[in-house]
Amino acid sequence: MKKRSIAAYVILSLVTCGIYLIVVNYKQMTELEIEGATLKLPAWAVLLLNLFVTSAGGALFGFACDDAINQIREKRGFKKEDNLVLWIVFGILFPIVTGALVQDAMNKLIDGQGTPKDPDPAE
């Protein structure tokens, strides 16, 4: 995964009229796959929806990334965070915000930030 500036993501997405958003969203999804997450939707399908139906693409991007990031959190020993509804709603209304929130979650994973899992009482 690559750490990216959230402010630069938002500014470049606005300046390029969403082209940067689409490219980085695709990269984010492929980076999550490289980290070992299994995406519920293929990255190319979300890319096409982002190109032609931005609100649907943004919602599906939030849907796919929430599960993928939680898979990586679990592998690294962190608790899952339920951001599904938030990311879908922002994906429909403001896809730039969803991408920024996903990148923030990825940046935190890169930095090793997260709430540790509770120890298993059975052990």
N, C-alpha and C. Protein backbone atom coordinates (compact mmCIF):
# COMPACT_ATOMS: atom_id res chain seq x y z
N MET A 1 0.85 -1.17 0.00
CA MET A 1 0.00 0.00 0.00
C MET A 1 0.89 1.23 0.00
N LYS A 2 0.39 2.27 -0.58
CA LYS A 2 1.14 3.51 -0.67
C LYS A 2 0.45 4.58 0.18
N LYS A 3 1.25 5.28 0.96
CA LYS A 3 0.72 6.37 1.78
C LYS A 3 0.59 7.60 0.88
N ARG A 4 -0.61 8.19 0.89
CA ARG A 4 -0.88 9.37 0.07
C ARG A 4 -1.43 10.49 0.94
N SER A 5 -1.19 11.71 0.53
CA SER A 5 -1.74 12.87 1.22
C SER A 5 -3.22 13.00 0.88
N ILE A 6 -4.03 13.11 1.91
CA ILE A 6 -5.47 13.23 1.69
C ILE A 6 -5.81 14.59 1.08
N ALA A 7 -5.12 15.64 1.53
CA ALA A 7 -5.37 16.97 0.97
C ALA A 7 -5.02 17.00 -0.52
N ALA A 8 -3.90 16.40 -0.89
CA ALA A 8 -3.51 16.36 -2.30
C ALA A 8 -4.52 15.55 -3.11
N TYR A 9 -5.02 14.46 -2.52
CA TYR A 9 -6.02 13.64 -3.20
C TYR A 9 -7.27 14.48 -3.52
N VAL A 10 -7.75 15.22 -2.54
CA VAL A 10 -8.96 16.03 -2.74
C VAL A 10 -8.71 17.14 -3.75
N ILE A 11 -7.61 17.85 -3.59
CA ILE A 11 -7.32 18.98 -4.49
C ILE A 11 -7.12 18.50 -5.93
N LEU A 12 -6.32 17.45 -6.11
CA LEU A 12 -6.09 16.95 -7.47
C LEU A 12 -7.35 16.37 -8.08
N SER A 13 -8.21 15.77 -7.28
CA SER A 13 -9.48 15.25 -7.80
C SER A 13 -10.36 16.38 -8.30
N LEU A 14 -10.38 17.49 -7.57
CA LEU A 14 -11.19 18.64 -7.99
C LEU A 14 -10.59 19.32 -9.22
N VAL A 15 -9.27 19.50 -9.23
CA VAL A 15 -8.62 20.19 -10.34
C VAL A 15 -8.75 19.40 -11.64
N THR A 16 -8.66 18.08 -11.55
CA THR A 16 -8.74 17.25 -12.77
C THR A 16 -10.16 16.81 -13.09
N CYS A 17 -11.14 17.39 -12.43
CA CYS A 17 -12.56 17.07 -12.65
C CYS A 17 -12.86 15.59 -12.44
N GLY A 18 -12.22 14.99 -11.46
CA GLY A 18 -12.52 13.62 -11.08
C GLY A 18 -11.65 12.55 -11.71
N ILE A 19 -10.80 12.92 -12.66
CA ILE A 19 -9.95 11.92 -13.30
C ILE A 19 -8.96 11.33 -12.30
N TYR A 20 -8.35 12.17 -11.49
CA TYR A 20 -7.41 11.69 -10.47
C TYR A 20 -8.13 10.78 -9.48
N LEU A 21 -9.34 11.12 -9.12
CA LEU A 21 -10.14 10.31 -8.20
C LEU A 21 -10.30 8.89 -8.75
N ILE A 22 -10.66 8.77 -10.00
CA ILE A 22 -10.90 7.46 -10.61
C ILE A 22 -9.61 6.64 -10.65
N VAL A 23 -8.52 7.28 -11.05
CA VAL A 23 -7.24 6.57 -11.14
C VAL A 23 -6.79 6.10 -9.76
N VAL A 24 -6.85 6.97 -8.76
CA VAL A 24 -6.39 6.60 -7.42
C VAL A 24 -7.32 5.57 -6.78
N ASN A 25 -8.62 5.69 -6.99
CA ASN A 25 -9.53 4.68 -6.45
C ASN A 25 -9.20 3.30 -7.00
N TYR A 26 -8.90 3.22 -8.27
CA TYR A 26 -8.50 1.94 -8.87
C TYR A 26 -7.21 1.44 -8.23
N LYS A 27 -6.24 2.34 -8.06
CA LYS A 27 -4.97 1.96 -7.44
C LYS A 27 -5.18 1.50 -6.00
N GLN A 28 -6.07 2.18 -5.27
CA GLN A 28 -6.34 1.79 -3.89
C GLN A 28 -6.88 0.36 -3.83
N MET A 29 -7.80 0.05 -4.72
CA MET A 29 -8.40 -1.29 -4.71
C MET A 29 -7.37 -2.36 -5.08
N THR A 30 -6.53 -2.08 -6.07
CA THR A 30 -5.52 -3.07 -6.44
C THR A 30 -4.48 -3.22 -5.33
N GLU A 31 -4.15 -2.15 -4.62
CA GLU A 31 -3.20 -2.24 -3.51
C GLU A 31 -3.79 -3.07 -2.37
N LEU A 32 -5.09 -2.96 -2.14
CA LEU A 32 -5.73 -3.78 -1.11
C LEU A 32 -5.68 -5.26 -1.50
N GLU A 33 -5.85 -5.55 -2.78
CA GLU A 33 -5.73 -6.94 -3.25
C GLU A 33 -4.31 -7.45 -3.07
N ILE A 34 -3.32 -6.63 -3.36
CA ILE A 34 -1.92 -7.03 -3.20
C ILE A 34 -1.61 -7.33 -1.74
N GLU A 35 -2.24 -6.60 -0.82
CA GLU A 35 -2.03 -6.83 0.61
C GLU A 35 -2.71 -8.11 1.10
N GLY A 36 -3.49 -8.75 0.24
CA GLY A 36 -4.10 -10.02 0.60
C GLY A 36 -5.59 -9.98 0.85
N ALA A 37 -6.22 -8.85 0.64
CA ALA A 37 -7.67 -8.76 0.83
C ALA A 37 -8.38 -9.33 -0.40
N THR A 38 -9.52 -9.93 -0.16
CA THR A 38 -10.36 -10.42 -1.25
C THR A 38 -11.49 -9.42 -1.45
N LEU A 39 -11.49 -8.77 -2.60
CA LEU A 39 -12.51 -7.75 -2.88
C LEU A 39 -13.83 -8.42 -3.25
N LYS A 40 -14.93 -7.84 -2.76
CA LYS A 40 -16.26 -8.36 -3.10
C LYS A 40 -16.64 -8.02 -4.53
N LEU A 41 -16.02 -6.98 -5.07
CA LEU A 41 -16.28 -6.55 -6.45
C LEU A 41 -14.95 -6.37 -7.15
N PRO A 42 -14.85 -6.71 -8.42
CA PRO A 42 -13.59 -6.49 -9.12
C PRO A 42 -13.31 -5.00 -9.30
N ALA A 43 -12.04 -4.64 -9.22
CA ALA A 43 -11.64 -3.23 -9.32
C ALA A 43 -12.04 -2.64 -10.67
N TRP A 44 -11.96 -3.43 -11.75
CA TRP A 44 -12.30 -2.90 -13.06
C TRP A 44 -13.78 -2.52 -13.15
N ALA A 45 -14.65 -3.27 -12.46
CA ALA A 45 -16.09 -2.97 -12.49
C ALA A 45 -16.37 -1.65 -11.78
N VAL A 46 -15.72 -1.45 -10.65
CA VAL A 46 -15.89 -0.19 -9.92
C VAL A 46 -15.33 0.96 -10.74
N LEU A 47 -14.21 0.74 -11.42
CA LEU A 47 -13.62 1.77 -12.28
C LEU A 47 -14.61 2.18 -13.38
N LEU A 48 -15.22 1.21 -14.03
CA LEU A 48 -16.18 1.53 -15.10
C LEU A 48 -17.38 2.29 -14.56
N LEU A 49 -17.89 1.87 -13.39
CA LEU A 49 -19.02 2.58 -12.81
C LEU A 49 -18.62 4.00 -12.40
N ASN A 50 -17.40 4.17 -11.90
CA ASN A 50 -16.94 5.52 -11.57
C ASN A 50 -16.88 6.40 -12.80
N LEU A 51 -16.51 5.80 -13.94
CA LEU A 51 -16.43 6.57 -15.17
C LEU A 51 -17.80 7.02 -15.67
N PHE A 52 -18.79 6.12 -15.59
CA PHE A 52 -20.07 6.40 -16.24
C PHE A 52 -21.21 6.74 -15.28
N VAL A 53 -21.20 6.19 -14.09
CA VAL A 53 -22.24 6.47 -13.10
C VAL A 53 -21.53 6.73 -11.77
N THR A 54 -21.07 7.95 -11.60
CA THR A 54 -20.19 8.29 -10.48
C THR A 54 -20.78 7.92 -9.13
N SER A 55 -22.04 8.19 -8.89
CA SER A 55 -22.61 7.91 -7.56
C SER A 55 -22.66 6.41 -7.28
N ALA A 56 -23.02 5.61 -8.27
CA ALA A 56 -23.04 4.16 -8.07
C ALA A 56 -21.63 3.63 -7.89
N GLY A 57 -20.69 4.13 -8.67
CA GLY A 57 -19.30 3.71 -8.53
C GLY A 57 -18.72 4.07 -7.19
N GLY A 58 -19.06 5.27 -6.70
CA GLY A 58 -18.58 5.69 -5.38
C GLY A 58 -19.13 4.82 -4.27
N ALA A 59 -20.41 4.48 -4.37
CA ALA A 59 -21.04 3.64 -3.35
C ALA A 59 -20.43 2.23 -3.37
N LEU A 60 -20.23 1.67 -4.54
CA LEU A 60 -19.64 0.34 -4.63
C LEU A 60 -18.17 0.34 -4.22
N PHE A 61 -17.48 1.44 -4.47
CA PHE A 61 -16.10 1.58 -4.02
C PHE A 61 -16.05 1.54 -2.49
N GLY A 62 -16.93 2.28 -1.83
CA GLY A 62 -16.99 2.26 -0.37
C GLY A 62 -17.36 0.89 0.16
N PHE A 63 -18.29 0.22 -0.51
CA PHE A 63 -18.73 -1.12 -0.12
C PHE A 63 -17.57 -2.11 -0.19
N ALA A 64 -16.85 -2.10 -1.30
CA ALA A 64 -15.76 -3.06 -1.50
C ALA A 64 -14.57 -2.77 -0.57
N CYS A 65 -14.25 -1.51 -0.40
CA CYS A 65 -13.08 -1.16 0.39
C CYS A 65 -13.30 -1.37 1.88
N ASP A 66 -14.51 -1.19 2.38
CA ASP A 66 -14.76 -1.40 3.80
C ASP A 66 -14.42 -2.83 4.19
N ASP A 67 -14.89 -3.78 3.43
CA ASP A 67 -14.62 -5.18 3.74
C ASP A 67 -13.14 -5.51 3.56
N ALA A 68 -12.53 -5.01 2.50
CA ALA A 68 -11.12 -5.30 2.23
C ALA A 68 -10.21 -4.75 3.34
N ILE A 69 -10.47 -3.53 3.77
CA ILE A 69 -9.65 -2.93 4.83
C ILE A 69 -9.85 -3.68 6.14
N ASN A 70 -11.07 -4.12 6.41
CA ASN A 70 -11.30 -4.90 7.64
C ASN A 70 -10.58 -6.25 7.58
N GLN A 71 -10.48 -6.85 6.40
CA GLN A 71 -9.72 -8.09 6.27
C GLN A 71 -8.24 -7.86 6.63
N ILE A 72 -7.69 -6.76 6.14
CA ILE A 72 -6.29 -6.45 6.42
C ILE A 72 -6.11 -6.10 7.89
N ARG A 73 -7.08 -5.37 8.47
CA ARG A 73 -7.00 -5.05 9.90
C ARG A 73 -6.92 -6.33 10.73
N GLU A 74 -7.78 -7.29 10.40
CA GLU A 74 -7.78 -8.55 11.15
C GLU A 74 -6.45 -9.28 11.00
N LYS A 75 -5.90 -9.31 9.80
CA LYS A 75 -4.61 -9.98 9.59
C LYS A 75 -3.50 -9.34 10.41
N ARG A 76 -3.60 -8.03 10.62
CA ARG A 76 -2.57 -7.32 11.37
C ARG A 76 -2.86 -7.23 12.86
N GLY A 77 -3.95 -7.86 13.30
CA GLY A 77 -4.25 -7.92 14.73
C GLY A 77 -5.03 -6.73 15.27
N PHE A 78 -5.74 -6.01 14.42
CA PHE A 78 -6.55 -4.88 14.85
C PHE A 78 -8.03 -5.24 14.79
N LYS A 79 -8.83 -4.51 15.54
CA LYS A 79 -10.28 -4.70 15.51
C LYS A 79 -10.85 -4.18 14.19
N LYS A 80 -11.94 -4.79 13.77
CA LYS A 80 -12.67 -4.30 12.61
C LYS A 80 -13.34 -2.99 12.96
N GLU A 81 -13.51 -2.12 11.97
CA GLU A 81 -14.27 -0.88 12.13
C GLU A 81 -15.41 -0.91 11.13
N ASP A 82 -16.60 -0.59 11.59
CA ASP A 82 -17.75 -0.62 10.70
C ASP A 82 -17.98 0.76 10.10
N ASN A 83 -17.46 0.96 8.89
CA ASN A 83 -17.63 2.21 8.17
C ASN A 83 -18.52 2.05 6.95
N LEU A 84 -19.16 0.91 6.81
CA LEU A 84 -19.88 0.58 5.59
C LEU A 84 -20.94 1.61 5.21
N VAL A 85 -21.83 1.91 6.13
CA VAL A 85 -22.92 2.84 5.81
C VAL A 85 -22.38 4.23 5.49
N LEU A 86 -21.43 4.68 6.29
CA LEU A 86 -20.83 6.01 6.07
C LEU A 86 -20.19 6.09 4.69
N TRP A 87 -19.40 5.08 4.33
CA TRP A 87 -18.70 5.11 3.05
C TRP A 87 -19.65 4.96 1.87
N ILE A 88 -20.73 4.22 2.02
CA ILE A 88 -21.70 4.09 0.92
C ILE A 88 -22.45 5.41 0.73
N VAL A 89 -22.89 6.02 1.83
CA VAL A 89 -23.63 7.29 1.72
C VAL A 89 -22.74 8.37 1.11
N PHE A 90 -21.50 8.49 1.62
CA PHE A 90 -20.60 9.48 1.03
C PHE A 90 -20.26 9.12 -0.41
N GLY A 91 -20.19 7.83 -0.73
CA GLY A 91 -19.91 7.42 -2.10
C GLY A 91 -20.99 7.87 -3.07
N ILE A 92 -22.23 7.85 -2.60
CA ILE A 92 -23.35 8.31 -3.43
C ILE A 92 -23.34 9.83 -3.56
N LEU A 93 -23.15 10.52 -2.44
CA LEU A 93 -23.26 11.98 -2.44
C LEU A 93 -21.97 12.70 -2.80
N PHE A 94 -20.85 12.24 -2.23
CA PHE A 94 -19.55 12.91 -2.41
C PHE A 94 -18.46 11.86 -2.57
N PRO A 95 -18.27 11.31 -3.76
CA PRO A 95 -17.28 10.25 -3.94
C PRO A 95 -15.86 10.65 -3.54
N ILE A 96 -15.54 11.94 -3.63
CA ILE A 96 -14.21 12.40 -3.22
C ILE A 96 -14.00 12.12 -1.74
N VAL A 97 -15.02 12.34 -0.93
CA VAL A 97 -14.91 12.11 0.51
C VAL A 97 -14.69 10.64 0.81
N THR A 98 -15.37 9.76 0.09
CA THR A 98 -15.19 8.32 0.30
C THR A 98 -13.75 7.92 0.01
N GLY A 99 -13.22 8.39 -1.10
CA GLY A 99 -11.83 8.08 -1.43
C GLY A 99 -10.87 8.60 -0.39
N ALA A 100 -11.15 9.79 0.14
CA ALA A 100 -10.29 10.36 1.18
C ALA A 100 -10.37 9.53 2.47
N LEU A 101 -11.57 9.08 2.83
CA LEU A 101 -11.72 8.25 4.03
C LEU A 101 -11.03 6.90 3.87
N VAL A 102 -11.13 6.32 2.69
CA VAL A 102 -10.45 5.05 2.43
C VAL A 102 -8.94 5.25 2.52
N GLN A 103 -8.44 6.34 1.93
CA GLN A 103 -7.00 6.59 1.99
C GLN A 103 -6.55 6.84 3.43
N ASP A 104 -7.37 7.51 4.21
CA ASP A 104 -7.04 7.72 5.63
C ASP A 104 -6.93 6.38 6.36
N ALA A 105 -7.85 5.48 6.10
CA ALA A 105 -7.80 4.14 6.72
C ALA A 105 -6.56 3.39 6.26
N MET A 106 -6.21 3.52 4.98
CA MET A 106 -5.01 2.86 4.48
C MET A 106 -3.75 3.46 5.10
N ASN A 107 -3.71 4.78 5.24
CA ASN A 107 -2.57 5.44 5.86
C ASN A 107 -2.39 4.97 7.30
N LYS A 108 -3.50 4.79 8.02
CA LYS A 108 -3.42 4.31 9.40
C LYS A 108 -2.89 2.89 9.45
N LEU A 109 -3.28 2.05 8.50
CA LEU A 109 -2.75 0.69 8.44
C LEU A 109 -1.25 0.70 8.17
N ILE A 110 -0.82 1.57 7.28
CA ILE A 110 0.60 1.68 6.97
C ILE A 110 1.39 2.10 8.21
N ASP A 111 0.83 3.03 8.97
CA ASP A 111 1.50 3.52 10.18
C ASP A 111 1.36 2.57 11.37
N GLY A 112 0.56 1.51 11.20
CA GLY A 112 0.37 0.55 12.29
C GLY A 112 -0.57 1.05 13.37
N GLN A 113 -1.46 1.97 13.01
CA GLN A 113 -2.42 2.49 13.97
C GLN A 113 -3.71 1.69 13.89
N GLY A 114 -4.30 1.48 15.03
CA GLY A 114 -5.56 0.76 15.10
C GLY A 114 -5.80 0.28 16.50
N THR A 115 -7.01 -0.13 16.78
CA THR A 115 -7.35 -0.66 18.09
C THR A 115 -7.02 -2.14 18.11
N PRO A 116 -6.13 -2.56 19.02
CA PRO A 116 -5.78 -3.99 19.07
C PRO A 116 -7.00 -4.83 19.41
N LYS A 117 -7.01 -6.06 18.90
CA LYS A 117 -8.08 -7.00 19.23
C LYS A 117 -8.00 -7.35 20.70
N ASP A 118 -9.16 -7.65 21.27
CA ASP A 118 -9.20 -8.15 22.64
C ASP A 118 -8.62 -9.56 22.64
N PRO A 119 -7.90 -9.93 23.71
CA PRO A 119 -7.39 -11.31 23.75
C PRO A 119 -8.53 -12.31 23.78
N ASP A 120 -8.34 -13.42 23.14
CA ASP A 120 -9.36 -14.46 23.09
C ASP A 120 -9.43 -15.15 24.45
N PRO A 121 -10.61 -15.14 25.11
CA PRO A 121 -10.69 -15.74 26.45
C PRO A 121 -10.50 -17.27 26.44
N ALA A 122 -10.67 -17.89 25.29
CA ALA A 122 -10.52 -19.34 25.20
C ALA A 122 -9.06 -19.77 25.27
N GLU A 123 -8.16 -18.84 25.02
CA GLU A 123 -6.73 -19.20 25.00
C GLU A 123 -6.12 -19.11 26.37
